[in-house]
N, C-alpha and C. Protein backbone atom coordinates (compact mmCIF):
# COMPACT_ATOMS: atom_id res chain seq x y z
N MET A 1 0.79 -1.35 -0.02
CA MET A 1 0.05 0.01 0.02
C MET A 1 1.02 1.18 0.03
N THR A 2 0.45 2.22 -0.59
CA THR A 2 1.21 3.27 -0.72
C THR A 2 0.39 4.51 -0.10
N ARG A 3 0.84 5.39 0.55
CA ARG A 3 0.09 6.44 1.24
C ARG A 3 0.55 7.90 0.49
N TYR A 4 -0.27 8.73 0.40
CA TYR A 4 -0.12 9.85 -0.09
C TYR A 4 -0.87 10.97 0.79
N PHE A 5 -0.53 12.49 0.72
CA PHE A 5 -1.10 13.42 1.55
C PHE A 5 -1.37 14.61 0.57
N THR A 6 -2.37 15.39 0.91
CA THR A 6 -2.77 16.55 0.08
C THR A 6 -2.36 17.74 0.99
N GLU A 7 -2.42 18.83 0.30
CA GLU A 7 -2.17 20.27 0.93
C GLU A 7 -3.44 20.62 1.80
N ASP A 8 -4.42 19.87 1.70
CA ASP A 8 -5.73 20.16 2.65
C ASP A 8 -5.55 19.44 3.93
N HIS A 9 -4.53 18.58 3.97
CA HIS A 9 -4.18 17.77 5.15
C HIS A 9 -5.24 16.41 5.30
N GLU A 10 -5.34 15.90 3.87
CA GLU A 10 -6.06 14.65 3.91
C GLU A 10 -4.87 13.59 3.46
N TRP A 11 -5.24 12.26 4.04
CA TRP A 11 -4.28 11.32 3.55
C TRP A 11 -4.90 10.23 2.60
N ILE A 12 -4.34 9.58 1.85
CA ILE A 12 -5.06 8.75 1.15
C ILE A 12 -3.97 7.48 1.00
N GLU A 13 -4.48 6.07 1.42
CA GLU A 13 -3.76 4.96 1.37
C GLU A 13 -4.43 4.33 -0.02
N VAL A 14 -3.54 3.79 -0.78
CA VAL A 14 -3.94 3.20 -2.14
C VAL A 14 -3.36 1.68 -2.25
N GLU A 15 -4.37 1.08 -2.64
CA GLU A 15 -3.98 -0.57 -2.82
C GLU A 15 -4.79 -0.81 -4.18
N GLY A 16 -3.95 -0.94 -5.40
CA GLY A 16 -4.67 -1.02 -6.65
C GLY A 16 -5.45 -0.09 -6.99
N SER A 17 -6.84 -0.23 -7.11
CA SER A 17 -7.67 0.93 -7.44
C SER A 17 -8.82 1.24 -6.39
N ASN A 18 -8.24 0.80 -5.23
CA ASN A 18 -8.95 1.09 -3.98
C ASN A 18 -8.33 2.08 -3.03
N ALA A 19 -8.97 2.80 -2.49
CA ALA A 19 -8.35 3.80 -1.51
C ALA A 19 -9.05 3.94 -0.24
N THR A 20 -8.40 4.32 0.77
CA THR A 20 -8.77 4.78 2.02
C THR A 20 -8.40 6.12 2.34
N VAL A 21 -9.50 7.03 2.90
CA VAL A 21 -9.03 8.47 3.08
C VAL A 21 -9.42 8.87 4.32
N GLY A 22 -8.75 9.74 4.93
CA GLY A 22 -8.70 10.28 6.18
C GLY A 22 -8.05 11.81 6.31
N ILE A 23 -8.12 12.27 7.47
CA ILE A 23 -7.46 13.44 7.58
C ILE A 23 -6.07 13.10 8.59
N THR A 24 -5.02 13.81 8.40
CA THR A 24 -3.82 13.82 8.89
C THR A 24 -3.89 14.23 10.39
N ASP A 25 -2.68 13.45 10.86
CA ASP A 25 -2.58 13.79 12.47
C ASP A 25 -2.47 15.28 12.43
N HIS A 26 -1.85 16.06 11.80
CA HIS A 26 -1.54 17.39 11.92
C HIS A 26 -2.85 18.26 11.92
N ALA A 27 -3.90 17.70 10.84
CA ALA A 27 -5.09 18.30 10.83
C ALA A 27 -6.01 18.23 12.19
N GLN A 28 -6.13 17.08 12.52
CA GLN A 28 -6.79 16.62 13.79
C GLN A 28 -6.29 17.40 15.04
N GLU A 29 -5.03 17.83 15.06
CA GLU A 29 -4.50 18.63 16.01
C GLU A 29 -4.82 19.99 16.05
N GLN A 30 -4.85 20.58 14.82
CA GLN A 30 -5.20 21.90 14.58
C GLN A 30 -6.70 22.19 14.95
N LEU A 31 -7.46 21.05 14.61
CA LEU A 31 -8.86 21.21 15.06
C LEU A 31 -9.26 21.14 16.35
N GLY A 32 -8.55 20.28 17.16
CA GLY A 32 -8.90 20.12 18.68
C GLY A 32 -9.70 18.91 18.68
N ASP A 33 -10.41 18.93 19.98
CA ASP A 33 -11.43 17.86 20.28
C ASP A 33 -12.48 17.77 19.18
N ILE A 34 -12.42 16.32 18.47
CA ILE A 34 -13.33 16.38 17.52
C ILE A 34 -14.96 15.93 18.04
N VAL A 35 -15.99 16.71 17.76
CA VAL A 35 -17.15 16.24 18.31
C VAL A 35 -18.29 15.60 17.36
N PHE A 36 -18.03 15.87 15.97
CA PHE A 36 -18.87 15.21 15.28
C PHE A 36 -18.37 15.04 13.89
N VAL A 37 -18.64 13.95 13.23
CA VAL A 37 -18.00 13.45 11.90
C VAL A 37 -19.10 13.12 10.96
N GLU A 38 -19.18 13.70 9.83
CA GLU A 38 -20.11 13.19 8.72
C GLU A 38 -19.44 12.63 7.58
N VAL A 39 -19.62 11.19 7.33
CA VAL A 39 -19.05 10.61 6.33
C VAL A 39 -19.86 10.29 5.17
N PRO A 40 -19.38 10.04 3.94
CA PRO A 40 -20.30 9.78 2.71
C PRO A 40 -20.79 8.46 2.88
N ALA A 41 -22.13 7.99 2.30
CA ALA A 41 -22.38 6.77 2.30
C ALA A 41 -21.71 5.94 1.26
N ALA A 42 -21.98 4.63 1.29
CA ALA A 42 -21.54 3.83 0.06
C ALA A 42 -22.48 4.25 -1.15
N GLY A 43 -21.72 4.14 -2.29
CA GLY A 43 -22.49 4.63 -3.50
C GLY A 43 -22.52 6.12 -3.87
N THR A 44 -21.74 6.74 -2.91
CA THR A 44 -21.76 8.38 -2.95
C THR A 44 -20.70 8.49 -4.19
N ALA A 45 -20.72 9.38 -5.09
CA ALA A 45 -19.74 9.58 -5.95
C ALA A 45 -19.03 10.94 -5.38
N VAL A 46 -17.83 10.69 -5.38
CA VAL A 46 -16.56 11.88 -4.81
C VAL A 46 -15.92 12.16 -6.06
N ALA A 47 -15.54 13.60 -5.87
CA ALA A 47 -14.66 14.34 -7.12
C ALA A 47 -13.38 14.76 -6.40
N LYS A 48 -12.35 14.72 -7.08
CA LYS A 48 -11.06 15.02 -6.52
C LYS A 48 -11.20 16.69 -6.26
N GLY A 49 -10.85 17.10 -5.14
CA GLY A 49 -10.94 18.40 -4.58
C GLY A 49 -12.10 19.01 -4.14
N LYS A 50 -13.12 17.96 -4.23
CA LYS A 50 -14.58 18.61 -3.83
C LYS A 50 -14.87 17.91 -2.53
N GLU A 51 -15.78 18.56 -1.68
CA GLU A 51 -16.33 18.00 -0.31
C GLU A 51 -16.73 16.74 -0.34
N ALA A 52 -16.09 15.90 0.67
CA ALA A 52 -16.49 14.53 0.62
C ALA A 52 -17.23 14.30 2.01
N ALA A 53 -16.60 14.98 3.06
CA ALA A 53 -16.94 14.74 4.50
C ALA A 53 -17.12 15.96 5.27
N VAL A 54 -17.51 15.93 6.39
CA VAL A 54 -17.46 16.94 7.31
C VAL A 54 -16.97 16.67 8.76
N VAL A 55 -16.20 17.53 9.16
CA VAL A 55 -15.59 17.13 10.73
C VAL A 55 -15.74 18.35 11.48
N GLU A 56 -16.40 18.15 12.57
CA GLU A 56 -16.44 19.52 13.38
C GLU A 56 -15.85 19.14 14.75
N SER A 57 -15.20 20.23 15.60
CA SER A 57 -14.61 20.20 16.55
C SER A 57 -15.25 21.19 17.40
N VAL A 58 -14.61 21.31 18.73
CA VAL A 58 -15.06 22.31 19.65
C VAL A 58 -14.79 23.71 19.31
N LYS A 59 -13.58 23.64 18.18
CA LYS A 59 -13.14 24.97 17.65
C LYS A 59 -13.84 25.43 16.35
N ALA A 60 -14.02 24.39 15.42
CA ALA A 60 -14.58 24.77 14.11
C ALA A 60 -15.07 23.52 13.50
N ALA A 61 -15.84 23.95 12.38
CA ALA A 61 -16.16 22.79 11.39
C ALA A 61 -15.43 22.86 10.20
N SER A 62 -15.07 21.70 9.55
CA SER A 62 -14.22 21.80 8.29
C SER A 62 -14.69 20.94 7.33
N ASP A 63 -14.49 21.05 6.18
CA ASP A 63 -14.97 20.08 4.98
C ASP A 63 -13.70 19.17 4.86
N VAL A 64 -13.83 18.04 4.57
CA VAL A 64 -12.95 17.07 4.29
C VAL A 64 -13.10 16.99 2.65
N TYR A 65 -12.10 17.09 1.92
CA TYR A 65 -12.12 16.95 0.49
C TYR A 65 -11.42 15.63 0.06
N SER A 66 -12.19 15.25 -0.98
CA SER A 66 -11.52 13.90 -1.64
C SER A 66 -10.26 14.11 -2.43
N PRO A 67 -9.33 13.18 -2.43
CA PRO A 67 -8.08 13.34 -2.96
C PRO A 67 -8.23 12.71 -4.38
N ILE A 68 -9.30 12.11 -4.60
CA ILE A 68 -9.42 11.57 -6.03
C ILE A 68 -11.00 11.54 -6.51
N THR A 69 -11.11 11.06 -7.69
CA THR A 69 -12.48 11.00 -8.20
C THR A 69 -12.64 9.43 -8.07
N GLY A 70 -13.91 9.11 -7.56
CA GLY A 70 -14.41 7.68 -7.66
C GLY A 70 -15.82 7.51 -6.99
N GLU A 71 -15.98 6.31 -6.40
CA GLU A 71 -17.19 6.00 -5.83
C GLU A 71 -16.91 5.44 -4.41
N VAL A 72 -17.66 5.91 -3.61
CA VAL A 72 -17.58 5.44 -2.05
C VAL A 72 -18.02 4.12 -1.80
N THR A 73 -17.11 3.27 -1.31
CA THR A 73 -17.64 1.77 -1.00
C THR A 73 -18.02 1.59 0.42
N GLU A 74 -17.57 2.43 1.32
CA GLU A 74 -17.84 2.37 2.63
C GLU A 74 -17.44 3.70 3.54
N GLY A 75 -18.44 3.97 4.32
CA GLY A 75 -18.05 5.21 5.04
C GLY A 75 -17.74 4.54 6.61
N ASN A 76 -16.85 5.32 7.35
CA ASN A 76 -16.55 4.79 8.57
C ASN A 76 -17.54 4.88 9.70
N ALA A 77 -18.59 3.76 9.73
CA ALA A 77 -19.47 4.04 10.76
C ALA A 77 -19.23 4.16 12.25
N ALA A 78 -18.21 3.75 12.56
CA ALA A 78 -17.43 3.91 13.96
C ALA A 78 -17.29 5.38 14.25
N LEU A 79 -17.07 6.26 13.37
CA LEU A 79 -16.77 7.77 13.62
C LEU A 79 -18.15 8.30 14.16
N GLU A 80 -19.49 7.75 13.72
CA GLU A 80 -20.77 8.29 14.17
C GLU A 80 -20.82 8.00 15.58
N GLU A 81 -20.28 6.88 15.91
CA GLU A 81 -20.44 6.58 17.47
C GLU A 81 -19.33 7.28 18.28
N ASP A 82 -18.31 7.27 17.80
CA ASP A 82 -17.07 7.90 18.50
C ASP A 82 -16.29 8.79 17.69
N PRO A 83 -16.57 10.01 17.35
CA PRO A 83 -15.85 10.96 16.55
C PRO A 83 -14.66 11.42 17.27
N ALA A 84 -14.22 11.14 18.36
CA ALA A 84 -13.02 11.28 18.88
C ALA A 84 -12.02 10.21 18.57
N LEU A 85 -12.54 9.39 17.72
CA LEU A 85 -11.38 8.24 17.25
C LEU A 85 -10.33 9.12 16.35
N VAL A 86 -11.16 10.22 15.68
CA VAL A 86 -10.25 10.92 15.01
C VAL A 86 -8.99 11.44 15.58
N ASN A 87 -9.24 12.17 16.80
CA ASN A 87 -8.14 12.44 17.58
C ASN A 87 -7.08 11.52 18.06
N THR A 88 -7.75 10.15 18.24
CA THR A 88 -6.89 9.18 18.71
C THR A 88 -6.11 8.35 17.94
N ALA A 89 -6.85 8.27 16.62
CA ALA A 89 -6.16 7.46 15.59
C ALA A 89 -6.55 8.02 14.23
N ALA A 90 -6.06 9.17 14.03
CA ALA A 90 -6.33 9.89 12.66
C ALA A 90 -5.86 9.30 11.62
N GLU A 91 -4.66 8.60 11.55
CA GLU A 91 -4.32 7.97 10.37
C GLU A 91 -4.17 6.37 10.37
N THR A 92 -5.14 6.06 11.13
CA THR A 92 -5.43 4.43 11.32
C THR A 92 -6.95 4.43 11.32
N ASP A 93 -7.32 3.84 12.63
CA ASP A 93 -8.99 3.77 12.72
C ASP A 93 -9.74 4.85 12.37
N GLY A 94 -9.29 5.92 12.33
CA GLY A 94 -10.13 7.13 12.14
C GLY A 94 -10.33 7.66 10.79
N TRP A 95 -10.10 6.57 9.75
CA TRP A 95 -10.46 7.00 8.56
C TRP A 95 -11.92 7.51 8.43
N PHE A 96 -11.98 8.03 7.06
CA PHE A 96 -13.34 8.64 6.87
C PHE A 96 -14.14 7.71 6.02
N PHE A 97 -13.64 7.43 4.78
CA PHE A 97 -14.04 6.64 3.80
C PHE A 97 -13.19 5.82 2.78
N LYS A 98 -13.83 4.50 2.31
CA LYS A 98 -13.14 3.88 1.36
C LYS A 98 -13.92 4.25 0.00
N ALA A 99 -12.80 4.07 -1.02
CA ALA A 99 -13.40 4.40 -2.25
C ALA A 99 -12.76 3.61 -3.40
N THR A 100 -13.49 3.33 -4.72
CA THR A 100 -12.76 2.94 -5.66
C THR A 100 -12.11 4.12 -6.28
N ILE A 101 -10.99 4.15 -7.19
CA ILE A 101 -10.31 5.25 -7.94
C ILE A 101 -10.59 5.15 -9.18
N ALA A 102 -11.46 6.15 -9.86
CA ALA A 102 -11.46 6.38 -11.25
C ALA A 102 -10.68 6.30 -12.10
N ASP A 103 -9.61 7.29 -11.71
CA ASP A 103 -8.23 7.62 -12.52
C ASP A 103 -7.13 7.75 -11.60
N THR A 104 -6.47 6.52 -11.70
CA THR A 104 -5.06 6.64 -10.84
C THR A 104 -4.02 7.82 -11.08
N SER A 105 -4.28 8.31 -12.46
CA SER A 105 -3.29 9.66 -12.86
C SER A 105 -3.47 10.98 -11.74
N GLU A 106 -4.64 10.66 -11.14
CA GLU A 106 -5.06 11.91 -10.07
C GLU A 106 -4.32 11.82 -8.96
N LEU A 107 -3.44 10.72 -8.70
CA LEU A 107 -2.60 10.55 -7.62
C LEU A 107 -1.27 11.39 -7.81
N GLU A 108 -0.85 11.36 -9.03
CA GLU A 108 0.26 12.41 -9.65
C GLU A 108 0.06 13.89 -8.77
N GLY A 109 1.09 14.38 -8.22
CA GLY A 109 1.11 15.44 -7.49
C GLY A 109 0.83 15.54 -6.14
N LEU A 110 0.41 14.55 -5.67
CA LEU A 110 0.09 14.27 -4.18
C LEU A 110 1.31 14.13 -3.57
N MET A 111 1.67 14.42 -2.33
CA MET A 111 2.81 14.15 -1.57
C MET A 111 3.11 12.94 -0.95
N ASP A 112 4.13 12.70 -0.83
CA ASP A 112 4.71 11.53 -0.01
C ASP A 112 4.72 11.90 1.59
N ALA A 113 5.22 10.98 2.44
CA ALA A 113 5.32 11.39 3.76
C ALA A 113 6.36 12.52 4.06
N GLU A 114 7.44 12.24 3.38
CA GLU A 114 8.70 13.24 3.38
C GLU A 114 8.23 14.63 3.01
N ALA A 115 7.50 14.96 1.90
CA ALA A 115 7.12 15.97 1.20
C ALA A 115 6.13 16.61 2.23
N TYR A 116 5.08 15.80 2.73
CA TYR A 116 4.16 16.28 3.55
C TYR A 116 4.57 16.89 4.89
N ALA A 117 5.64 16.17 5.49
CA ALA A 117 6.38 16.51 6.75
C ALA A 117 7.00 17.97 6.39
N ALA A 118 7.72 18.00 5.32
CA ALA A 118 8.12 19.44 4.86
C ALA A 118 7.28 20.45 4.90
N PHE A 119 6.10 20.15 4.08
CA PHE A 119 5.20 21.08 3.81
C PHE A 119 4.42 21.64 5.21
N CYS A 120 4.24 20.78 6.35
CA CYS A 120 3.81 21.15 7.43
C CYS A 120 4.67 21.75 8.24
N ALA A 121 6.08 21.84 8.05
CA ALA A 121 6.99 22.32 8.87
C ALA A 121 7.28 23.94 8.42
N ASP A 122 6.67 24.10 7.15
CA ASP A 122 6.72 25.39 6.29
C ASP A 122 5.60 26.32 6.91
N LEU A 123 4.72 25.39 7.49
CA LEU A 123 3.35 26.15 8.14
C LEU A 123 3.67 26.82 9.29
N ASP A 124 4.44 26.32 10.16
CA ASP A 124 4.78 26.62 11.42
C ASP A 124 5.50 28.02 11.66
C-alpha cells in the first residue's frame, strides 16, 4: 500500500484501484477535540478536490476533500459512535471513507510522507 497526502491535510492510502481516505494527525491537532463527523455513504460519487465529508470540533467545522475521483464503497460508521477516534487514531482507525479510484493519474502531484512533513514544517 502507498500513502499520499494533500495540501488540505487529507491522507489517502492506495492499494490497486481502492483507496482509504482520512485526515492527517496534523489536521486533527489543529482542529482540537472532534465532536462530530459526517462521512459519505456507500455509493456516493466523490470528485477530486470537492467536499466529501465534514468534521466538527469544539473550535470549528471543516470540510474534508476527496483526494481522488471515485465511488465510495464504505463510510467509517465507527466515527458516528465515537468521533473522537479521529483525535486518537487519525491516520489508522479514524479513516473517513473507502472508495474506488476512477483515474489513478489523479494521484500524481500528491505528496509522500517526507514531502508532507516538509510542507507542514513550512506552515509553522
